[in-house]
Amino acid sequence: MRRLVPLPKPPGPCKALNIWAWGWDRYCSKRIQSATVHLAWSHRVRTYTAFNQTAAQFPAYNHVGDCREPLKQIYQFPNLTWVENIAVRANGKLLVTLITSPEVWQIDPSAVPVTAELVVHFPKSTSLLGITEFAEDVFAVAVGTFNTSDITGTLGSWSIWGLDMHGGDTSYDRRERGKPDCDIIDAVDATAYKITNIPEATFLNGMTSIPDTESILIADSAFGVIFYVNTNTGEYGTAIDNPAFKPSPNAAVALGINGIQIDHDEPRVLYYSTSFQPHLLLGRLPIAADGSAAGPVEVVLQASPFPEIIGSQADDFALKDGNVWITQDPSSSILLTSAIDGSMNVTLIAGSTTERASENLAAGSTAAQFGRLRRDQDILYVTTNGGMPTPENGIVGGRILSLNTICYLK
């Protein structure tokens, strides 16, 4: 069972920002495949729904033992929407971040039809990346400026925000640290508040919480380090700086460490993935209670010449029961490997580097998290960017997928 620290308190005296005037005309003319996207307004809530989607077409849950179609699309955003990361709330709803717009969206995979609801828009940034829950229904989000054309972030643009999903209640009166740029952003049944700026960061990416603490870890893919942040005080610094995290000097994209995860059944081991590295796809190392390194890096999976991998670009991944489910972008695949048997055997679950994005559900798969309810605890929810980094295979709107992992386990 996940043990979460007490709820943090959002800042009281900071000036609130209103996001409701933000324009939505660009969505009104979009279409999700054959389904017209309609913008439905309710009291301070915005959703758009593919009304032609039926429960039969896009069922959210895979019944245990039903492996006829283990990978399913449950939702699709408009074209040129890059869905980057995902967190699963205790109530079963999904929170996803977008790179192509500085937003968090919420999706209920059990709804019929499935809809996406805007939770918050950050008006001073271009992109959101990592997201992790660090207290009960309170999430940290990496916010900054990012360029999708060359896969680079902007030095000095990055900050960590808290997203409190407790119905927009701001009465917790979080301790104010006297920072003049401290903001609160009003959101749909939620409150977003700045935890801290990290001016040294260039490309904040994967994020995970340290069990039984109020701190989180965030990977900088360009700088090749892991930062820690105390979500209560805003204190931050470099937690781990290891040569294995650095971008390869000969790589087409200057991208090193990517996803990071702590298995809450193994709370003193940090797993991490790398991208565009010649020798390492997945590694791990022991950590201390404060997130600092407590031992050397161990290779879990090498970047071997496995079919369908272009240079072995792992993106993010999910851990469960000793297995690692790896999303690959731009390799457009989902892989399965064991974290405990040392075999480095890999199973291709879905995807292809040559298949058209319209036919490959895993095109541009970016992140994955398991469901938290009894009915979907074996369902892996996967986000995609629709193949934006590989336009030669076509581009579709970013997807939310459900994968019945039981179908691939012996």
Protein backbone atom coordinates (compact mmCIF):
# COMPACT_ATOMS: atom_id res chain seq x y z
CA MET A 1 0.00 0.00 0.00
CA ARG A 2 1.33 3.44 -0.85
CA ARG A 3 2.06 5.57 2.20
CA LEU A 4 1.56 9.24 1.49
CA VAL A 5 2.69 12.19 3.56
CA PRO A 6 0.18 14.68 5.02
CA LEU A 7 -1.44 17.15 2.69
CA PRO A 8 0.69 20.23 1.90
CA LYS A 9 -0.81 23.67 2.28
CA PRO A 10 -1.14 25.97 -0.74
CA PRO A 11 0.01 29.57 -0.31
CA GLY A 12 -2.62 31.98 0.94
CA PRO A 13 -1.42 35.51 0.14
CA CYS A 14 -0.31 34.90 -3.44
CA LYS A 15 -2.24 36.52 -6.28
CA ALA A 16 -4.67 34.22 -8.06
CA LEU A 17 -4.64 33.95 -11.84
CA ASN A 18 -7.81 33.36 -13.82
CA ILE A 19 -7.51 30.88 -16.69
CA TRP A 20 -11.06 30.93 -17.95
CA ALA A 21 -10.57 33.54 -20.66
CA TRP A 22 -8.10 31.33 -22.46
CA GLY A 23 -9.18 30.70 -26.04
CA TRP A 24 -10.44 27.36 -27.29
CA ASP A 25 -11.24 28.10 -30.91
CA ARG A 26 -8.49 25.83 -32.13
CA TYR A 27 -10.30 22.78 -30.79
CA CYS A 28 -13.70 23.57 -32.27
CA SER A 29 -12.72 22.70 -35.82
CA LYS A 30 -10.74 19.58 -34.99
CA ARG A 31 -11.90 16.05 -35.50
CA ILE A 32 -10.90 12.88 -33.72
CA GLN A 33 -10.70 10.39 -36.58
CA SER A 34 -14.33 10.11 -37.76
CA ALA A 35 -15.82 11.58 -34.62
CA THR A 36 -16.55 15.30 -34.48
CA VAL A 37 -15.02 17.00 -31.49
CA HIS A 38 -17.57 19.12 -29.68
CA LEU A 39 -16.73 21.58 -26.95
CA ALA A 40 -19.22 21.12 -24.13
CA TRP A 41 -19.42 23.86 -21.54
CA SER A 42 -20.71 23.54 -18.02
CA HIS A 43 -20.16 25.70 -14.95
CA ARG A 44 -16.40 26.46 -15.13
CA VAL A 45 -15.76 23.04 -16.63
CA ARG A 46 -14.59 22.37 -20.16
CA THR A 47 -14.64 19.03 -21.87
CA TYR A 48 -14.54 17.82 -25.40
CA THR A 49 -15.95 14.47 -26.33
CA ALA A 50 -15.84 12.21 -29.34
CA PHE A 51 -19.57 11.54 -29.31
CA ASN A 52 -19.36 8.81 -31.95
CA GLN A 53 -17.23 6.70 -29.65
CA THR A 54 -19.31 3.93 -28.14
CA ALA A 55 -18.51 1.53 -25.34
CA ALA A 56 -18.18 -1.23 -27.90
CA GLN A 57 -15.70 0.75 -29.97
CA PHE A 58 -13.45 1.93 -27.16
CA PRO A 59 -14.03 -0.09 -23.97
CA ALA A 60 -11.94 1.29 -21.16
CA TYR A 61 -11.37 -1.92 -19.26
CA ASN A 62 -10.13 -5.27 -20.44
CA HIS A 63 -11.84 -8.08 -18.59
CA VAL A 64 -9.44 -10.43 -16.85
CA GLY A 65 -8.70 -13.33 -19.15
CA ASP A 66 -10.00 -11.56 -22.27
CA CYS A 67 -6.94 -11.40 -24.51
CA ARG A 68 -8.61 -11.14 -27.91
CA GLU A 69 -7.71 -7.45 -28.02
CA PRO A 70 -5.38 -6.72 -25.11
CA LEU A 71 -4.37 -3.22 -26.30
CA LYS A 72 -7.22 -0.76 -26.80
CA GLN A 73 -7.61 2.93 -27.43
CA ILE A 74 -9.83 4.55 -24.84
CA TYR A 75 -9.39 8.19 -25.85
CA GLN A 76 -7.75 10.29 -28.54
CA PHE A 77 -6.92 13.99 -28.50
CA PRO A 78 -6.98 16.19 -31.63
CA ASN A 79 -4.15 15.86 -34.11
CA LEU A 80 -0.78 17.39 -33.15
CA THR A 81 -1.45 16.87 -29.43
CA TRP A 82 1.57 15.38 -27.64
CA VAL A 83 0.45 13.59 -24.48
CA GLU A 84 3.62 13.25 -22.39
CA ASN A 85 3.00 11.78 -18.95
CA ILE A 86 0.36 10.25 -16.74
CA ALA A 87 -0.63 9.81 -13.10
CA VAL A 88 -3.53 7.75 -11.77
CA ARG A 89 -5.67 9.13 -8.98
CA ALA A 90 -6.99 6.97 -6.14
CA ASN A 91 -10.50 7.34 -7.59
CA GLY A 92 -9.38 5.73 -10.86
CA LYS A 93 -9.29 8.87 -12.98
CA LEU A 94 -6.23 9.68 -15.08
CA LEU A 95 -4.27 12.94 -15.08
CA VAL A 96 -2.20 13.51 -18.21
CA THR A 97 0.23 16.28 -19.14
CA LEU A 98 0.71 17.79 -22.59
CA ILE A 99 3.93 18.98 -24.19
CA THR A 100 2.18 20.81 -27.02
CA SER A 101 0.18 22.94 -24.58
CA PRO A 102 0.90 23.72 -20.91
CA GLU A 103 -2.06 21.77 -19.56
CA VAL A 104 -3.19 18.94 -17.33
CA TRP A 105 -6.25 17.00 -18.47
CA GLN A 106 -8.36 14.49 -16.58
CA ILE A 107 -9.86 11.36 -18.15
CA ASP A 108 -12.27 8.90 -16.58
CA PRO A 109 -11.60 5.55 -18.29
CA SER A 110 -14.85 4.08 -16.93
CA ALA A 111 -17.10 6.74 -18.45
CA VAL A 112 -19.30 6.10 -21.48
CA PRO A 113 -18.43 7.93 -23.58
CA VAL A 114 -14.93 8.69 -22.37
CA THR A 115 -14.26 12.43 -22.17
CA ALA A 116 -11.25 14.64 -21.42
CA GLU A 117 -11.63 17.55 -19.03
CA LEU A 118 -9.20 20.42 -18.73
CA VAL A 119 -7.93 20.69 -15.15
CA VAL A 120 -5.49 23.59 -15.45
CA HIS A 121 -3.69 25.71 -18.03
CA PHE A 122 -0.37 27.42 -17.16
CA PRO A 123 -0.39 30.68 -19.14
CA LYS A 124 3.31 31.57 -18.79
CA SER A 125 4.78 28.32 -20.14
CA THR A 126 4.58 26.14 -23.25
CA SER A 127 4.78 22.58 -21.92
CA LEU A 128 4.22 20.18 -19.06
CA LEU A 129 6.20 16.98 -18.62
CA GLY A 130 6.63 14.86 -15.47
CA ILE A 131 3.86 14.37 -12.91
CA THR A 132 3.80 12.41 -9.65
CA GLU A 133 1.59 12.13 -6.57
CA PHE A 134 3.45 13.14 -3.40
CA ALA A 135 0.55 13.47 -0.95
CA GLU A 136 -2.99 12.17 -0.96
CA ASP A 137 -4.50 13.46 -4.22
CA VAL A 138 -1.83 16.16 -4.52
CA PHE A 139 0.55 16.01 -7.49
CA ALA A 140 3.77 17.71 -8.54
CA VAL A 141 4.10 18.82 -12.17
CA ALA A 142 7.14 19.97 -14.17
CA VAL A 143 6.32 23.20 -16.04
CA GLY A 144 8.56 24.94 -18.55
CA THR A 145 9.39 25.91 -22.12
CA PHE A 146 10.02 23.12 -24.62
CA ASN A 147 10.58 22.95 -28.37
CA THR A 148 9.15 19.84 -30.04
CA SER A 149 10.94 20.47 -33.34
CA ASP A 150 14.42 19.77 -31.91
CA ILE A 151 13.45 18.15 -28.57
CA THR A 152 15.09 20.79 -26.40
CA GLY A 153 14.10 22.68 -23.28
CA THR A 154 14.93 26.26 -22.33
CA LEU A 155 17.40 26.92 -19.53
CA GLY A 156 15.85 28.94 -16.71
CA SER A 157 12.22 28.36 -17.70
CA TRP A 158 11.45 25.43 -15.40
CA SER A 159 9.47 25.25 -12.20
CA ILE A 160 7.68 22.67 -10.08
CA TRP A 161 4.03 23.21 -9.25
CA GLY A 162 1.69 21.46 -6.89
CA LEU A 163 -1.73 20.39 -8.14
CA ASP A 164 -4.17 19.89 -5.28
CA MET A 165 -7.19 17.90 -6.46
CA HIS A 166 -9.24 18.38 -3.28
CA GLY A 167 -12.11 20.21 -4.93
CA GLY A 168 -10.38 23.55 -5.27
CA ASP A 169 -10.28 24.06 -1.48
CA THR A 170 -7.53 26.63 -0.80
CA SER A 171 -8.17 26.90 2.95
CA TYR A 172 -5.02 24.97 3.87
CA ASP A 173 -3.00 28.22 4.03
CA ARG A 174 0.33 26.75 2.94
CA ARG A 175 3.39 28.42 4.48
CA GLU A 176 4.39 31.43 2.41
CA ARG A 177 8.15 31.68 1.80
CA GLY A 178 8.11 35.32 0.77
CA LYS A 179 8.87 34.71 -2.91
CA PRO A 180 7.52 37.53 -5.09
CA ASP A 181 6.69 35.20 -7.99
CA CYS A 182 4.58 32.83 -5.90
CA ASP A 183 1.38 32.15 -7.82
CA ILE A 184 -1.87 30.31 -7.41
CA ILE A 185 -3.75 29.25 -10.52
CA ASP A 186 -7.44 28.54 -10.22
CA ALA A 187 -8.37 25.22 -11.81
CA VAL A 188 -11.36 22.93 -12.31
CA ASP A 189 -12.10 21.44 -8.88
CA ALA A 190 -8.41 21.87 -8.06
CA THR A 191 -5.77 24.43 -7.15
CA ALA A 192 -2.33 24.76 -8.73
CA TYR A 193 0.40 26.50 -6.73
CA LYS A 194 4.07 27.04 -7.38
CA ILE A 195 6.41 25.00 -5.22
CA THR A 196 9.70 26.35 -6.56
CA ASN A 197 11.62 27.52 -9.60
CA ILE A 198 14.67 25.49 -10.70
CA PRO A 199 16.62 28.03 -12.79
CA GLU A 200 19.52 25.61 -13.33
CA ALA A 201 17.26 23.12 -15.13
CA THR A 202 17.14 22.77 -18.90
CA PHE A 203 14.81 19.83 -19.57
CA LEU A 204 12.86 18.54 -16.56
CA ASN A 205 11.36 15.19 -17.50
CA GLY A 206 10.70 12.04 -15.44
CA MET A 207 9.50 12.49 -11.87
CA THR A 208 8.83 10.27 -8.87
CA SER A 209 8.03 10.71 -5.18
CA ILE A 210 10.24 9.43 -2.36
CA PRO A 211 8.12 7.18 -0.12
CA ASP A 212 7.37 8.40 3.41
CA THR A 213 8.76 11.89 2.72
CA GLU A 214 7.54 15.17 1.36
CA SER A 215 10.22 15.21 -1.34
CA ILE A 216 10.25 14.29 -5.01
CA LEU A 217 12.98 13.50 -7.55
CA ILE A 218 13.05 14.99 -11.07
CA ALA A 219 15.35 14.01 -13.93
CA ASP A 220 16.89 16.67 -16.15
CA SER A 221 17.36 14.88 -19.48
CA ALA A 222 19.69 17.50 -20.97
CA PHE A 223 21.78 18.28 -17.89
CA GLY A 224 21.98 14.59 -16.98
CA VAL A 225 21.24 14.89 -13.26
CA ILE A 226 18.42 14.17 -10.81
CA PHE A 227 17.15 17.05 -8.70
CA TYR A 228 15.33 16.71 -5.39
CA VAL A 229 12.59 19.08 -4.27
CA ASN A 230 11.05 19.39 -0.82
CA THR A 231 7.41 20.04 -1.74
CA ASN A 232 6.68 21.70 1.60
CA THR A 233 9.55 24.15 1.86
CA GLY A 234 10.49 24.52 -1.81
CA GLU A 235 14.10 23.62 -1.06
CA TYR A 236 15.80 21.92 -4.01
CA GLY A 237 19.21 20.73 -5.12
CA THR A 238 21.09 18.05 -7.00
CA ALA A 239 20.31 14.61 -5.56
CA ILE A 240 22.34 12.40 -7.93
CA ASP A 241 24.88 13.28 -10.60
CA ASN A 242 26.13 10.18 -12.41
CA PRO A 243 27.93 9.79 -15.77
CA ALA A 244 25.37 7.16 -16.78
CA PHE A 245 22.71 9.91 -16.84
CA LYS A 246 24.50 12.14 -19.34
CA PRO A 247 23.43 12.52 -22.99
CA SER A 248 25.63 10.71 -25.48
CA PRO A 249 27.88 13.23 -27.29
CA ASN A 250 27.30 11.46 -30.60
CA ALA A 251 23.53 11.13 -30.33
CA ALA A 252 21.17 12.80 -32.77
CA VAL A 253 19.23 14.20 -29.80
CA ALA A 254 20.95 15.42 -26.61
CA LEU A 255 18.81 13.31 -24.33
CA GLY A 256 20.16 11.23 -21.45
CA ILE A 257 18.24 10.07 -18.41
CA ASN A 258 14.52 10.06 -19.13
CA GLY A 259 12.02 8.30 -16.87
CA ILE A 260 12.59 7.61 -13.17
CA GLN A 261 10.51 5.44 -10.86
CA ILE A 262 10.69 4.15 -7.30
CA ASP A 263 8.90 0.86 -6.72
CA HIS A 264 6.98 1.38 -3.49
CA ASP A 265 7.55 -2.30 -2.66
CA GLU A 266 11.28 -1.56 -2.93
CA PRO A 267 11.44 2.05 -1.68
CA ARG A 268 15.22 2.37 -1.54
CA VAL A 269 15.90 1.51 -5.19
CA LEU A 270 15.59 4.02 -8.01
CA TYR A 271 14.99 2.74 -11.55
CA TYR A 272 15.71 4.95 -14.53
CA SER A 273 15.58 4.80 -18.32
CA THR A 274 17.85 6.46 -20.86
CA SER A 275 17.31 7.60 -24.43
CA PHE A 276 19.68 7.63 -27.41
CA GLN A 277 22.33 5.79 -25.41
CA PRO A 278 24.56 3.16 -27.07
CA HIS A 279 24.75 0.74 -24.13
CA LEU A 280 22.01 1.31 -21.56
CA LEU A 281 18.24 1.24 -21.81
CA LEU A 282 17.25 0.66 -18.17
CA GLY A 283 19.26 0.87 -14.96
CA ARG A 284 18.84 1.11 -11.20
CA LEU A 285 20.76 2.18 -8.14
CA PRO A 286 20.20 2.15 -4.38
CA ILE A 287 19.24 5.44 -2.79
CA ALA A 288 19.22 6.87 0.71
CA ALA A 289 16.13 8.19 2.46
CA ASP A 290 16.81 11.69 1.11
CA GLY A 291 17.07 10.45 -2.50
CA SER A 292 20.85 10.63 -2.77
CA ALA A 293 22.79 7.72 -4.26
CA ALA A 294 23.72 4.94 -1.85
CA GLY A 295 25.56 2.68 -4.29
CA PRO A 296 26.65 2.17 -7.89
CA VAL A 297 24.49 1.97 -11.00
CA GLU A 298 23.39 -1.51 -12.08
CA VAL A 299 22.36 -2.35 -15.65
CA VAL A 300 18.90 -3.93 -15.84
CA LEU A 301 18.55 -3.89 -19.64
CA GLN A 302 21.16 -3.13 -22.24
CA ALA A 303 20.43 -1.32 -25.47
CA SER A 304 20.89 -4.46 -27.54
CA PRO A 305 19.99 -4.62 -31.25
CA PHE A 306 16.47 -5.77 -30.51
CA PRO A 307 14.17 -5.65 -33.57
CA GLU A 308 11.96 -2.61 -33.92
CA ILE A 309 14.21 -0.37 -31.82
CA ILE A 310 15.77 2.67 -33.48
CA GLY A 311 18.81 3.35 -31.32
CA SER A 312 17.02 2.01 -28.23
CA GLN A 313 15.07 5.06 -27.17
CA ALA A 314 13.31 4.22 -23.94
CA ASP A 315 10.94 6.89 -22.75
CA ASP A 316 9.13 6.27 -19.46
CA PHE A 317 8.13 2.99 -17.84
CA ALA A 318 6.03 1.33 -15.14
CA LEU A 319 7.03 -1.21 -12.49
CA LYS A 320 4.94 -4.03 -11.07
CA ASP A 321 5.71 -7.41 -9.51
CA GLY A 322 9.30 -7.44 -10.75
CA ASN A 323 8.36 -6.57 -14.33
CA VAL A 324 9.15 -3.38 -16.22
CA TRP A 325 6.81 -2.12 -18.95
CA ILE A 326 8.77 0.30 -21.14
CA THR A 327 7.29 2.85 -23.51
CA GLN A 328 9.47 3.78 -26.49
CA ASP A 329 9.39 7.05 -28.33
CA PRO A 330 10.24 7.49 -31.16
CA SER A 331 10.57 3.72 -31.48
CA SER A 332 6.76 3.58 -31.19
CA SER A 333 6.76 0.35 -29.20
CA ILE A 334 5.94 -1.08 -25.78
CA LEU A 335 8.40 -3.55 -24.27
CA LEU A 336 8.32 -5.93 -21.30
CA THR A 337 11.37 -7.09 -19.36
CA SER A 338 12.09 -8.51 -15.92
CA ALA A 339 13.82 -6.37 -13.32
CA ILE A 340 14.76 -9.30 -11.10
CA ASP A 341 15.90 -12.34 -13.11
CA GLY A 342 18.95 -10.72 -14.72
CA SER A 343 18.21 -12.33 -18.08
CA MET A 344 17.79 -9.06 -20.01
CA ASN A 345 15.19 -10.84 -22.10
CA VAL A 346 12.79 -8.48 -23.87
CA THR A 347 9.28 -9.07 -25.20
CA LEU A 348 7.81 -6.77 -27.81
CA ILE A 349 4.27 -6.12 -26.61
CA ALA A 350 3.06 -3.74 -29.30
CA GLY A 351 4.26 -1.36 -31.94
CA SER A 352 6.56 -1.03 -34.91
CA THR A 353 8.99 1.54 -36.23
CA THR A 354 7.64 1.22 -39.78
CA GLU A 355 3.89 0.88 -39.28
CA ARG A 356 1.70 3.86 -40.05
CA ALA A 357 0.65 5.83 -36.96
CA SER A 358 -2.98 5.44 -37.96
CA GLU A 359 -2.58 1.65 -37.64
CA ASN A 360 -0.08 1.50 -34.75
CA LEU A 361 -1.80 2.31 -31.47
CA ALA A 362 1.59 2.52 -29.75
CA ALA A 363 2.94 5.17 -32.15
CA GLY A 364 4.93 7.59 -30.02
CA SER A 365 4.23 5.86 -26.70
CA THR A 366 5.53 8.16 -23.96
CA ALA A 367 4.54 6.96 -20.46
CA ALA A 368 2.59 4.32 -18.56
CA GLN A 369 0.97 3.77 -15.16
CA PHE A 370 -1.11 0.97 -13.69
CA GLY A 371 -4.69 1.42 -12.56
CA ARG A 372 -5.31 1.73 -8.82
CA LEU A 373 -8.80 0.24 -8.51
CA ARG A 374 -9.52 -3.43 -8.01
CA ARG A 375 -11.13 -3.65 -11.43
CA ASP A 376 -8.14 -2.20 -13.30
CA GLN A 377 -5.13 -3.05 -11.14
CA ASP A 378 -3.68 -5.14 -13.99
CA ILE A 379 -4.50 -2.56 -16.67
CA LEU A 380 -1.57 -0.46 -17.85
CA TYR A 381 -2.61 2.98 -19.07
CA VAL A 382 -0.31 4.29 -21.80
CA THR A 383 0.02 7.78 -23.26
CA THR A 384 1.27 8.60 -26.77
CA ASN A 385 2.17 11.62 -28.88
CA GLY A 386 0.62 10.13 -32.02
CA GLY A 387 3.96 9.75 -33.78
CA MET A 388 4.92 13.43 -33.89
CA PRO A 389 8.71 12.74 -33.75
CA THR A 390 8.45 10.40 -36.78
CA PRO A 391 6.18 12.23 -39.24
CA GLU A 392 7.29 9.96 -42.08
CA ASN A 393 4.92 7.33 -40.61
CA GLY A 394 2.06 9.79 -40.34
CA ILE A 395 0.78 11.71 -37.34
CA VAL A 396 -2.41 11.22 -35.36
CA GLY A 397 -3.72 12.78 -32.19
CA GLY A 398 -2.14 11.68 -28.93
CA ARG A 399 -3.85 8.63 -27.46
CA ILE A 400 -4.71 7.10 -24.12
CA LEU A 401 -4.46 3.32 -24.30
CA SER A 402 -5.34 0.46 -21.96
CA LEU A 403 -3.20 -2.68 -21.98
CA ASN A 404 -4.34 -5.90 -20.30
CA THR A 405 -0.98 -7.00 -18.88
CA ILE A 406 -2.32 -10.39 -17.77
CA CYS A 407 -2.26 -11.44 -21.41
CA TYR A 408 1.54 -11.23 -21.49
CA LEU A 409 2.49 -12.83 -18.18
CA LYS A 410 3.06 -16.55 -17.76
